[in-house]
Amino acid sequence: MLIPDKVKVGSITYQVKQEHIDKTDDGLYQFGVTDYLNAVITINSDYPQERKEQTFFHELMHAVFFESSNSDQAADERLVDSTGLMLYQVFKENELANLKKS
C-alpha cells in the first residue's frame, strides 16, 4: 500500500511526510506525529512498511477527529488507535487502498 504525499481531511489538506522522528524526552519511540496547526502528518521512516501504513491510519484518525471538531477524541489515544487499526485492516483486507478512480 502506498502512503500518499497528501490527504484531504474535511476542508484541510494535510501534507504527509516520511522521515526520522526522535524518541520523546521520556525515551519513548514515536511512530508518527500529527501537527494540526500546520496540517502535517509525519510518519517515522525508520520502521517497516506495514508499521508505517498502520501509523498513517492512526495519525489520519487524529486529523479526522480534530477536523470534525472532536478535539477530545483526537487526544484519546485508545480511541484513535482502535479506530485507526480497524480502518487500516478494512482497507488492507479488502484491497481498498489499491483502487483507482475510474
PDB file of N, CA and C in Angstrom:
ATOM      1  N   MET A   1       0.851  -1.181   0.000  1.00  0.00           N
ATOM      2  CA  MET A   1       0.000   0.000   0.000  1.00  0.00           C
ATOM      3  C   MET A   1       0.887   1.231   0.000  1.00  0.00           C
ATOM      4  N   LEU A   2       0.582   2.165  -0.865  1.00  0.00           N
ATOM      5  CA  LEU A   2       1.338   3.413  -0.898  1.00  0.00           C
ATOM      6  C   LEU A   2       0.740   4.407   0.087  1.00  0.00           C
ATOM      7  N   ILE A   3       1.602   5.052   0.829  1.00  0.00           N
ATOM      8  CA  ILE A   3       1.174   6.123   1.721  1.00  0.00           C
ATOM      9  C   ILE A   3       1.194   7.411   0.892  1.00  0.00           C
ATOM     10  N   PRO A   4       0.093   8.145   0.856  1.00  0.00           N
ATOM     11  CA  PRO A   4       0.041   9.334  -0.003  1.00  0.00           C
ATOM     12  C   PRO A   4       0.940  10.456   0.513  1.00  0.00           C
ATOM     13  N   ASP A   5       1.283  11.382  -0.383  1.00  0.00           N
ATOM     14  CA  ASP A   5       2.063  12.564  -0.001  1.00  0.00           C
ATOM     15  C   ASP A   5       1.179  13.634   0.626  1.00  0.00           C
ATOM     16  N   LYS A   6      -0.129  13.518   0.368  1.00  0.00           N
ATOM     17  CA  LYS A   6      -1.086  14.450   0.968  1.00  0.00           C
ATOM     18  C   LYS A   6      -2.429  13.747   1.061  1.00  0.00           C
ATOM     19  N   VAL A   7      -3.250  14.236   1.996  1.00  0.00           N
ATOM     20  CA  VAL A   7      -4.579  13.675   2.191  1.00  0.00           C
ATOM     21  C   VAL A   7      -5.508  14.805   2.637  1.00  0.00           C
ATOM     22  N   LYS A   8      -6.685  14.840   2.048  1.00  0.00           N
ATOM     23  CA  LYS A   8      -7.668  15.872   2.387  1.00  0.00           C
ATOM     24  C   LYS A   8      -8.535  15.353   3.535  1.00  0.00           C
ATOM     25  N   VAL A   9      -8.595  16.123   4.615  1.00  0.00           N
ATOM     26  CA  VAL A   9      -9.411  15.776   5.787  1.00  0.00           C
ATOM     27  C   VAL A   9     -10.358  16.947   6.016  1.00  0.00           C
ATOM     28  N   GLY A  10     -11.633  16.720   5.718  1.00  0.00           N
ATOM     29  CA  GLY A  10     -12.568  17.845   5.754  1.00  0.00           C
ATOM     30  C   GLY A  10     -12.144  18.838   4.677  1.00  0.00           C
ATOM     31  N   SER A  11     -11.970  20.080   5.070  1.00  0.00           N
ATOM     32  CA  SER A  11     -11.564  21.101   4.102  1.00  0.00           C
ATOM     33  C   SER A  11     -10.063  21.377   4.126  1.00  0.00           C
ATOM     34  N   ILE A  12      -9.322  20.609   4.898  1.00  0.00           N
ATOM     35  CA  ILE A  12      -7.885  20.852   5.082  1.00  0.00           C
ATOM     36  C   ILE A  12      -7.065  19.768   4.394  1.00  0.00           C
ATOM     37  N   THR A  13      -6.068  20.177   3.628  1.00  0.00           N
ATOM     38  CA  THR A  13      -5.145  19.241   3.009  1.00  0.00           C
ATOM     39  C   THR A  13      -3.921  19.086   3.907  1.00  0.00           C
ATOM     40  N   TYR A  14      -3.711  17.877   4.374  1.00  0.00           N
ATOM     41  CA  TYR A  14      -2.545  17.556   5.204  1.00  0.00           C
ATOM     42  C   TYR A  14      -1.426  17.036   4.313  1.00  0.00           C
ATOM     43  N   GLN A  15      -0.241  17.574   4.496  1.00  0.00           N
ATOM     44  CA  GLN A  15       0.945  17.017   3.856  1.00  0.00           C
ATOM     45  C   GLN A  15       1.347  15.784   4.660  1.00  0.00           C
ATOM     46  N   VAL A  16       1.788  14.749   3.998  1.00  0.00           N
ATOM     47  CA  VAL A  16       2.219  13.521   4.667  1.00  0.00           C
ATOM     48  C   VAL A  16       3.700  13.333   4.369  1.00  0.00           C
ATOM     49  N   LYS A  17       4.496  13.313   5.430  1.00  0.00           N
ATOM     50  CA  LYS A  17       5.946  13.157   5.299  1.00  0.00           C
ATOM     51  C   LYS A  17       6.371  11.844   5.931  1.00  0.00           C
ATOM     52  N   GLN A  18       7.412  11.272   5.387  1.00  0.00           N
ATOM     53  CA  GLN A  18       8.037  10.099   5.985  1.00  0.00           C
ATOM     54  C   GLN A  18       9.488  10.478   6.269  1.00  0.00           C
ATOM     55  N   GLU A  19       9.801  10.606   7.550  1.00  0.00           N
ATOM     56  CA  GLU A  19      11.158  10.987   7.945  1.00  0.00           C
ATOM     57  C   GLU A  19      11.434  10.498   9.361  1.00  0.00           C
ATOM     58  N   HIS A  20      12.706  10.518   9.732  1.00  0.00           N
ATOM     59  CA  HIS A  20      13.094  10.076  11.069  1.00  0.00           C
ATOM     60  C   HIS A  20      12.452  10.973  12.128  1.00  0.00           C
ATOM     61  N   ILE A  21      11.939  10.353  13.179  1.00  0.00           N
ATOM     62  CA  ILE A  21      11.413  11.088  14.335  1.00  0.00           C
ATOM     63  C   ILE A  21      12.171  10.596  15.559  1.00  0.00           C
ATOM     64  N   ASP A  22      12.749  11.524  16.300  1.00  0.00           N
ATOM     65  CA  ASP A  22      13.476  11.165  17.520  1.00  0.00           C
ATOM     66  C   ASP A  22      12.534  10.619  18.576  1.00  0.00           C
ATOM     67  N   LYS A  23      13.106   9.896  19.532  1.00  0.00           N
ATOM     68  CA  LYS A  23      12.337   9.432  20.685  1.00  0.00           C
ATOM     69  C   LYS A  23      11.874  10.654  21.484  1.00  0.00           C
ATOM     70  N   THR A  24      10.846  10.448  22.300  1.00  0.00           N
ATOM     71  CA  THR A  24      10.363  11.524  23.174  1.00  0.00           C
ATOM     72  C   THR A  24      11.406  11.797  24.253  1.00  0.00           C
ATOM     73  N   ASP A  25      11.222  12.855  24.998  1.00  0.00           N
ATOM     74  CA  ASP A  25      12.118  13.169  26.117  1.00  0.00           C
ATOM     75  C   ASP A  25      12.131  12.054  27.153  1.00  0.00           C
ATOM     76  N   ASP A  26      11.033  11.276  27.204  1.00  0.00           N
ATOM     77  CA  ASP A  26      10.929  10.145  28.129  1.00  0.00           C
ATOM     78  C   ASP A  26      11.572   8.878  27.560  1.00  0.00           C
ATOM     79  N   GLY A  27      12.132   8.965  26.354  1.00  0.00           N
ATOM     80  CA  GLY A  27      12.772   7.814  25.740  1.00  0.00           C
ATOM     81  C   GLY A  27      11.825   6.883  25.009  1.00  0.00           C
ATOM     82  N   LEU A  28      10.588   7.340  24.774  1.00  0.00           N
ATOM     83  CA  LEU A  28       9.601   6.505  24.084  1.00  0.00           C
ATOM     84  C   LEU A  28       9.734   6.667  22.568  1.00  0.00           C
ATOM     85  N   TYR A  29       9.524   5.562  21.851  1.00  0.00           N
ATOM     86  CA  TYR A  29       9.539   5.608  20.395  1.00  0.00           C
ATOM     87  C   TYR A  29       8.292   6.328  19.901  1.00  0.00           C
ATOM     88  N   GLN A  30       8.441   7.059  18.810  1.00  0.00           N
ATOM     89  CA  GLN A  30       7.302   7.712  18.175  1.00  0.00           C
ATOM     90  C   GLN A  30       7.161   7.146  16.762  1.00  0.00           C
ATOM     91  N   PHE A  31       6.014   6.556  16.491  1.00  0.00           N
ATOM     92  CA  PHE A  31       5.771   6.031  15.153  1.00  0.00           C
ATOM     93  C   PHE A  31       5.299   7.132  14.212  1.00  0.00           C
ATOM     94  N   GLY A  32       4.609   8.133  14.756  1.00  0.00           N
ATOM     95  CA  GLY A  32       4.105   9.219  13.935  1.00  0.00           C
ATOM     96  C   GLY A  32       3.653  10.391  14.777  1.00  0.00           C
ATOM     97  N   VAL A  33       3.439  11.526  14.105  1.00  0.00           N
ATOM     98  CA  VAL A  33       3.018  12.754  14.779  1.00  0.00           C
ATOM     99  C   VAL A  33       2.089  13.513  13.833  1.00  0.00           C
ATOM    100  N   THR A  34       1.037  14.101  14.391  1.00  0.00           N
ATOM    101  CA  THR A  34       0.149  14.957  13.607  1.00  0.00           C
ATOM    102  C   THR A  34       0.234  16.379  14.133  1.00  0.00           C
ATOM    103  N   ASP A  35       0.549  17.297  13.246  1.00  0.00           N
ATOM    104  CA  ASP A  35       0.638  18.723  13.563  1.00  0.00           C
ATOM    105  C   ASP A  35      -0.601  19.383  12.953  1.00  0.00           C
ATOM    106  N   TYR A  36      -1.595  19.653  13.809  1.00  0.00           N
ATOM    107  CA  TYR A  36      -2.861  20.208  13.329  1.00  0.00           C
ATOM    108  C   TYR A  36      -2.697  21.628  12.792  1.00  0.00           C
ATOM    109  N   LEU A  37      -1.909  22.436  13.474  1.00  0.00           N
ATOM    110  CA  LEU A  37      -1.745  23.842  13.094  1.00  0.00           C
ATOM    111  C   LEU A  37      -1.168  23.982  11.684  1.00  0.00           C
ATOM    112  N   ASN A  38      -0.159  23.175  11.383  1.00  0.00           N
ATOM    113  CA  ASN A  38       0.496  23.253  10.077  1.00  0.00           C
ATOM    114  C   ASN A  38      -0.007  22.203   9.088  1.00  0.00           C
ATOM    115  N   ALA A  39      -0.979  21.397   9.508  1.00  0.00           N
ATOM    116  CA  ALA A  39      -1.589  20.359   8.672  1.00  0.00           C
ATOM    117  C   ALA A  39      -0.526  19.427   8.071  1.00  0.00           C
ATOM    118  N   VAL A  40       0.240  18.811   8.980  1.00  0.00           N
ATOM    119  CA  VAL A  40       1.294  17.882   8.562  1.00  0.00           C
ATOM    120  C   VAL A  40       1.190  16.600   9.380  1.00  0.00           C
ATOM    121  N   ILE A  41       1.184  15.486   8.689  1.00  0.00           N
ATOM    122  CA  ILE A  41       1.280  14.170   9.316  1.00  0.00           C
ATOM    123  C   ILE A  41       2.678  13.655   8.997  1.00  0.00           C
ATOM    124  N   THR A  42       3.425  13.308  10.033  1.00  0.00           N
ATOM    125  CA  THR A  42       4.772  12.772   9.840  1.00  0.00           C
ATOM    126  C   THR A  42       4.792  11.321  10.309  1.00  0.00           C
ATOM    127  N   ILE A  43       5.264  10.456   9.432  1.00  0.00           N
ATOM    128  CA  ILE A  43       5.391   9.031   9.723  1.00  0.00           C
ATOM    129  C   ILE A  43       6.882   8.732   9.887  1.00  0.00           C
ATOM    130  N   ASN A  44       7.239   8.045  10.961  1.00  0.00           N
ATOM    131  CA  ASN A  44       8.642   7.718  11.204  1.00  0.00           C
ATOM    132  C   ASN A  44       9.124   6.741  10.123  1.00  0.00           C
ATOM    133  N   SER A  45      10.131   7.145   9.388  1.00  0.00           N
ATOM    134  CA  SER A  45      10.639   6.343   8.267  1.00  0.00           C
ATOM    135  C   SER A  45      11.520   5.183   8.706  1.00  0.00           C
ATOM    136  N   ASP A  46      11.788   5.072   9.993  1.00  0.00           N
ATOM    137  CA  ASP A  46      12.716   4.060  10.492  1.00  0.00           C
ATOM    138  C   ASP A  46      12.101   2.671  10.630  1.00  0.00           C
ATOM    139  N   TYR A  47      10.832   2.514  10.342  1.00  0.00           N
ATOM    140  CA  TYR A  47      10.141   1.263  10.617  1.00  0.00           C
ATOM    141  C   TYR A  47       9.739   0.551   9.329  1.00  0.00           C
ATOM    142  N   PRO A  48       9.389  -0.742   9.433  1.00  0.00           N
ATOM    143  CA  PRO A  48       8.949  -1.498   8.248  1.00  0.00           C
ATOM    144  C   PRO A  48       7.690  -0.886   7.619  1.00  0.00           C
ATOM    145  N   GLN A  49       7.481  -1.185   6.341  1.00  0.00           N
ATOM    146  CA  GLN A  49       6.375  -0.613   5.582  1.00  0.00           C
ATOM    147  C   GLN A  49       5.021  -0.836   6.250  1.00  0.00           C
ATOM    148  N   GLU A  50       4.762  -2.047   6.718  1.00  0.00           N
ATOM    149  CA  GLU A  50       3.462  -2.322   7.332  1.00  0.00           C
ATOM    150  C   GLU A  50       3.235  -1.461   8.569  1.00  0.00           C
ATOM    151  N   ARG A  51       4.277  -1.241   9.375  1.00  0.00           N
ATOM    152  CA  ARG A  51       4.164  -0.373  10.558  1.00  0.00           C
ATOM    153  C   ARG A  51       3.887   1.063  10.120  1.00  0.00           C
ATOM    154  N   LYS A  52       4.528   1.505   9.048  1.00  0.00           N
ATOM    155  CA  LYS A  52       4.295   2.873   8.558  1.00  0.00           C
ATOM    156  C   LYS A  52       2.871   3.030   8.054  1.00  0.00           C
ATOM    157  N   GLU A  53       2.344   2.021   7.371  1.00  0.00           N
ATOM    158  CA  GLU A  53       0.959   2.067   6.887  1.00  0.00           C
ATOM    159  C   GLU A  53      -0.011   2.154   8.056  1.00  0.00           C
ATOM    160  N   GLN A  54       0.200   1.309   9.035  1.00  0.00           N
ATOM    161  CA  GLN A  54      -0.656   1.304  10.223  1.00  0.00           C
ATOM    162  C   GLN A  54      -0.587   2.655  10.926  1.00  0.00           C
ATOM    163  N   THR A  55       0.603   3.201  11.024  1.00  0.00           N
ATOM    164  CA  THR A  55       0.791   4.504  11.666  1.00  0.00           C
ATOM    165  C   THR A  55       0.089   5.609  10.886  1.00  0.00           C
ATOM    166  N   PHE A  56       0.124   5.526   9.555  1.00  0.00           N
ATOM    167  CA  PHE A  56      -0.579   6.523   8.746  1.00  0.00           C
ATOM    168  C   PHE A  56      -2.058   6.570   9.114  1.00  0.00           C
ATOM    169  N   PHE A  57      -2.699   5.402   9.223  1.00  0.00           N
ATOM    170  CA  PHE A  57      -4.119   5.379   9.566  1.00  0.00           C
ATOM    171  C   PHE A  57      -4.352   5.896  10.987  1.00  0.00           C
ATOM    172  N   HIS A  58      -3.456   5.593  11.902  1.00  0.00           N
ATOM    173  CA  HIS A  58      -3.566   6.110  13.271  1.00  0.00           C
ATOM    174  C   HIS A  58      -3.515   7.643  13.248  1.00  0.00           C
ATOM    175  N   GLU A  59      -2.518   8.191  12.575  1.00  0.00           N
ATOM    176  CA  GLU A  59      -2.379   9.651  12.519  1.00  0.00           C
ATOM    177  C   GLU A  59      -3.519  10.291  11.742  1.00  0.00           C
ATOM    178  N   LEU A  60      -4.000   9.590  10.724  1.00  0.00           N
ATOM    179  CA  LEU A  60      -5.158  10.083   9.966  1.00  0.00           C
ATOM    180  C   LEU A  60      -6.370  10.230  10.878  1.00  0.00           C
ATOM    181  N   MET A  61      -6.573   9.280  11.780  1.00  0.00           N
ATOM    182  CA  MET A  61      -7.704   9.372  12.708  1.00  0.00           C
ATOM    183  C   MET A  61      -7.558  10.568  13.643  1.00  0.00           C
ATOM    184  N   HIS A  62      -6.335  10.877  14.071  1.00  0.00           N
ATOM    185  CA  HIS A  62      -6.125  12.101  14.859  1.00  0.00           C
ATOM    186  C   HIS A  62      -6.652  13.300  14.068  1.00  0.00           C
ATOM    187  N   ALA A  63      -6.265  13.389  12.806  1.00  0.00           N
ATOM    188  CA  ALA A  63      -6.681  14.515  11.967  1.00  0.00           C
ATOM    189  C   ALA A  63      -8.192  14.522  11.743  1.00  0.00           C
ATOM    190  N   VAL A  64      -8.784  13.355  11.509  1.00  0.00           N
ATOM    191  CA  VAL A  64     -10.236  13.266  11.284  1.00  0.00           C
ATOM    192  C   VAL A  64     -10.999  13.768  12.502  1.00  0.00           C
ATOM    193  N   PHE A  65     -10.622  13.287  13.685  1.00  0.00           N
ATOM    194  CA  PHE A  65     -11.314  13.738  14.891  1.00  0.00           C
ATOM    195  C   PHE A  65     -11.114  15.240  15.108  1.00  0.00           C
ATOM    196  N   PHE A  66      -9.898  15.726  14.901  1.00  0.00           N
ATOM    197  CA  PHE A  66      -9.620  17.149  15.111  1.00  0.00           C
ATOM    198  C   PHE A  66     -10.414  18.013  14.130  1.00  0.00           C
ATOM    199  N   GLU A  67     -10.376  17.670  12.865  1.00  0.00           N
ATOM    200  CA  GLU A  67     -11.044  18.486  11.842  1.00  0.00           C
ATOM    201  C   GLU A  67     -12.560  18.395  11.922  1.00  0.00           C
ATOM    202  N   SER A  68     -13.087  17.375  12.592  1.00  0.00           N
ATOM    203  CA  SER A  68     -14.541  17.277  12.764  1.00  0.00           C
ATOM    204  C   SER A  68     -14.984  17.870  14.104  1.00  0.00           C
ATOM    205  N   SER A  69     -14.127  18.743  14.656  1.00  0.00           N
ATOM    206  CA  SER A  69     -14.417  19.459  15.909  1.00  0.00           C
ATOM    207  C   SER A  69     -14.601  18.520  17.099  1.00  0.00           C
ATOM    208  N   ASN A  70     -13.863  17.438  17.093  1.00  0.00           N
ATOM    209  CA  ASN A  70     -13.883  16.492  18.199  1.00  0.00           C
ATOM    210  C   ASN A  70     -12.492  16.403  18.819  1.00  0.00           C
ATOM    211  N   SER A  71     -12.018  17.524  19.347  1.00  0.00           N
ATOM    212  CA  SER A  71     -10.668  17.606  19.898  1.00  0.00           C
ATOM    213  C   SER A  71     -10.431  16.623  21.035  1.00  0.00           C
ATOM    214  N   ASP A  72     -11.454  16.387  21.854  1.00  0.00           N
ATOM    215  CA  ASP A  72     -11.298  15.425  22.950  1.00  0.00           C
ATOM    216  C   ASP A  72     -10.999  14.034  22.408  1.00  0.00           C
ATOM    217  N   GLN A  73     -11.700  13.645  21.354  1.00  0.00           N
ATOM    218  CA  GLN A  73     -11.456  12.337  20.757  1.00  0.00           C
ATOM    219  C   GLN A  73     -10.092  12.301  20.066  1.00  0.00           C
ATOM    220  N   ALA A  74      -9.679  13.419  19.481  1.00  0.00           N
ATOM    221  CA  ALA A  74      -8.372  13.484  18.815  1.00  0.00           C
ATOM    222  C   ALA A  74      -7.241  13.240  19.800  1.00  0.00           C
ATOM    223  N   ALA A  75      -7.458  13.577  21.060  1.00  0.00           N
ATOM    224  CA  ALA A  75      -6.439  13.396  22.099  1.00  0.00           C
ATOM    225  C   ALA A  75      -6.553  12.045  22.803  1.00  0.00           C
ATOM    226  N   ASP A  76      -7.586  11.285  22.494  1.00  0.00           N
ATOM    227  CA  ASP A  76      -7.822   9.990  23.145  1.00  0.00           C
ATOM    228  C   ASP A  76      -7.068   8.897  22.379  1.00  0.00           C
ATOM    229  N   GLU A  77      -5.862   8.566  22.837  1.00  0.00           N
ATOM    230  CA  GLU A  77      -5.012   7.609  22.121  1.00  0.00           C
ATOM    231  C   GLU A  77      -5.666   6.239  21.973  1.00  0.00           C
ATOM    232  N   ARG A  78      -6.404   5.808  22.951  1.00  0.00           N
ATOM    233  CA  ARG A  78      -7.053   4.497  22.863  1.00  0.00           C
ATOM    234  C   ARG A  78      -8.096   4.486  21.734  1.00  0.00           C
ATOM    235  N   LEU A  79      -8.914   5.518  21.667  1.00  0.00           N
ATOM    236  CA  LEU A  79      -9.922   5.626  20.618  1.00  0.00           C
ATOM    237  C   LEU A  79      -9.262   5.762  19.248  1.00  0.00           C
ATOM    238  N   VAL A  80      -8.286   6.637  19.155  1.00  0.00           N
ATOM    239  CA  VAL A  80      -7.585   6.854  17.885  1.00  0.00           C
ATOM    240  C   VAL A  80      -6.922   5.562  17.418  1.00  0.00           C
ATOM    241  N   ASP A  81      -6.269   4.870  18.348  1.00  0.00           N
ATOM    242  CA  ASP A  81      -5.569   3.646  17.982  1.00  0.00           C
ATOM    243  C   ASP A  81      -6.535   2.559  17.524  1.00  0.00           C
ATOM    244  N   SER A  82      -7.621   2.375  18.257  1.00  0.00           N
ATOM    245  CA  SER A  82      -8.561   1.311  17.881  1.00  0.00           C
ATOM    246  C   SER A  82      -9.251   1.613  16.554  1.00  0.00           C
ATOM    247  N   THR A  83      -9.673   2.839  16.320  1.00  0.00           N
ATOM    248  CA  THR A  83     -10.328   3.160  15.051  1.00  0.00           C
ATOM    249  C   THR A  83      -9.327   3.147  13.902  1.00  0.00           C
ATOM    250  N   GLY A  84      -8.126   3.632  14.145  1.00  0.00           N
ATOM    251  CA  GLY A  84      -7.086   3.606  13.115  1.00  0.00           C
ATOM    252  C   GLY A  84      -6.717   2.189  12.712  1.00  0.00           C
ATOM    253  N   LEU A  85      -6.581   1.308  13.701  1.00  0.00           N
ATOM    254  CA  LEU A  85      -6.260  -0.091  13.414  1.00  0.00           C
ATOM    255  C   LEU A  85      -7.358  -0.767  12.615  1.00  0.00           C
ATOM    256  N   MET A  86      -8.606  -0.527  12.990  1.00  0.00           N
ATOM    257  CA  MET A  86      -9.715  -1.152  12.278  1.00  0.00           C
ATOM    258  C   MET A  86      -9.830  -0.602  10.854  1.00  0.00           C
ATOM    259  N   LEU A  87      -9.673   0.689  10.687  1.00  0.00           N
ATOM    260  CA  LEU A  87      -9.745   1.281   9.353  1.00  0.00           C
ATOM    261  C   LEU A  87      -8.626   0.725   8.469  1.00  0.00           C
ATOM    262  N   TYR A  88      -7.421   0.627   9.011  1.00  0.00           N
ATOM    263  CA  TYR A  88      -6.304   0.054   8.276  1.00  0.00           C
ATOM    264  C   TYR A  88      -6.613  -1.381   7.855  1.00  0.00           C
ATOM    265  N   GLN A  89      -7.142  -2.167   8.777  1.00  0.00           N
ATOM    266  CA  GLN A  89      -7.454  -3.563   8.489  1.00  0.00           C
ATOM    267  C   GLN A  89      -8.495  -3.670   7.378  1.00  0.00           C
ATOM    268  N   VAL A  90      -9.537  -2.848   7.432  1.00  0.00           N
ATOM    269  CA  VAL A  90     -10.585  -2.875   6.415  1.00  0.00           C
ATOM    270  C   VAL A  90     -10.004  -2.524   5.043  1.00  0.00           C
ATOM    271  N   PHE A  91      -9.188  -1.465   4.984  1.00  0.00           N
ATOM    272  CA  PHE A  91      -8.582  -1.071   3.711  1.00  0.00           C
ATOM    273  C   PHE A  91      -7.656  -2.164   3.182  1.00  0.00           C
ATOM    274  N   LYS A  92      -6.831  -2.707   4.060  1.00  0.00           N
ATOM    275  CA  LYS A  92      -5.848  -3.706   3.630  1.00  0.00           C
ATOM    276  C   LYS A  92      -6.505  -5.023   3.219  1.00  0.00           C
ATOM    277  N   GLU A  93      -7.407  -5.545   4.035  1.00  0.00           N
ATOM    278  CA  GLU A  93      -8.040  -6.840   3.759  1.00  0.00           C
ATOM    279  C   GLU A  93      -8.950  -6.788   2.535  1.00  0.00           C
ATOM    280  N   ASN A  94      -9.505  -5.637   2.243  1.00  0.00           N
ATOM    281  CA  ASN A  94     -10.409  -5.502   1.111  1.00  0.00           C
ATOM    282  C   ASN A  94      -9.751  -4.841  -0.093  1.00  0.00           C
ATOM    283  N   GLU A  95      -8.444  -4.648  -0.003  1.00  0.00           N
ATOM    284  CA  GLU A  95      -7.652  -4.049  -1.073  1.00  0.00           C
ATOM    285  C   GLU A  95      -8.226  -2.709  -1.547  1.00  0.00           C
ATOM    286  N   LEU A  96      -8.771  -1.948  -0.632  1.00  0.00           N
ATOM    287  CA  LEU A  96      -9.363  -0.654  -0.972  1.00  0.00           C
ATOM    288  C   LEU A  96      -8.313   0.390  -1.298  1.00  0.00           C
ATOM    289  N   ALA A  97      -7.145   0.249  -0.717  1.00  0.00           N
ATOM    290  CA  ALA A  97      -6.079   1.229  -0.961  1.00  0.00           C
ATOM    291  C   ALA A  97      -5.532   1.110  -2.382  1.00  0.00           C
ATOM    292  N   ASN A  98      -5.811   0.021  -3.059  1.00  0.00           N
ATOM    293  CA  ASN A  98      -5.298  -0.193  -4.399  1.00  0.00           C
ATOM    294  C   ASN A  98      -6.290   0.231  -5.482  1.00  0.00           C
ATOM    295  N   LEU A  99      -7.476   0.693  -5.065  1.00  0.00           N
ATOM    296  CA  LEU A  99      -8.478   1.092  -6.050  1.00  0.00           C
ATOM    297  C   LEU A  99      -8.084   2.423  -6.697  1.00  0.00           C
ATOM    298  N   LYS A 100      -8.367   2.542  -7.966  1.00  0.00           N
ATOM    299  CA  LYS A 100      -8.099   3.775  -8.685  1.00  0.00           C
ATOM    300  C   LYS A 100      -9.413   4.375  -9.132  1.00  0.00           C
ATOM    301  N   LYS A 101      -9.425   5.699  -9.262  1.00  0.00           N
ATOM    302  CA  LYS A 101     -10.634   6.368  -9.742  1.00  0.00           C
ATOM    303  C   LYS A 101     -10.884   5.965 -11.180  1.00  0.00           C
ATOM    304  N   SER A 102     -12.166   5.762 -11.496  1.00  0.00           N
ATOM    305  CA  SER A 102     -12.474   5.393 -12.893  1.00  0.00           C
ATOM    306  C   SER A 102     -12.918   6.599 -13.677  1.00  0.00           C
TER     307      SER A 102
END
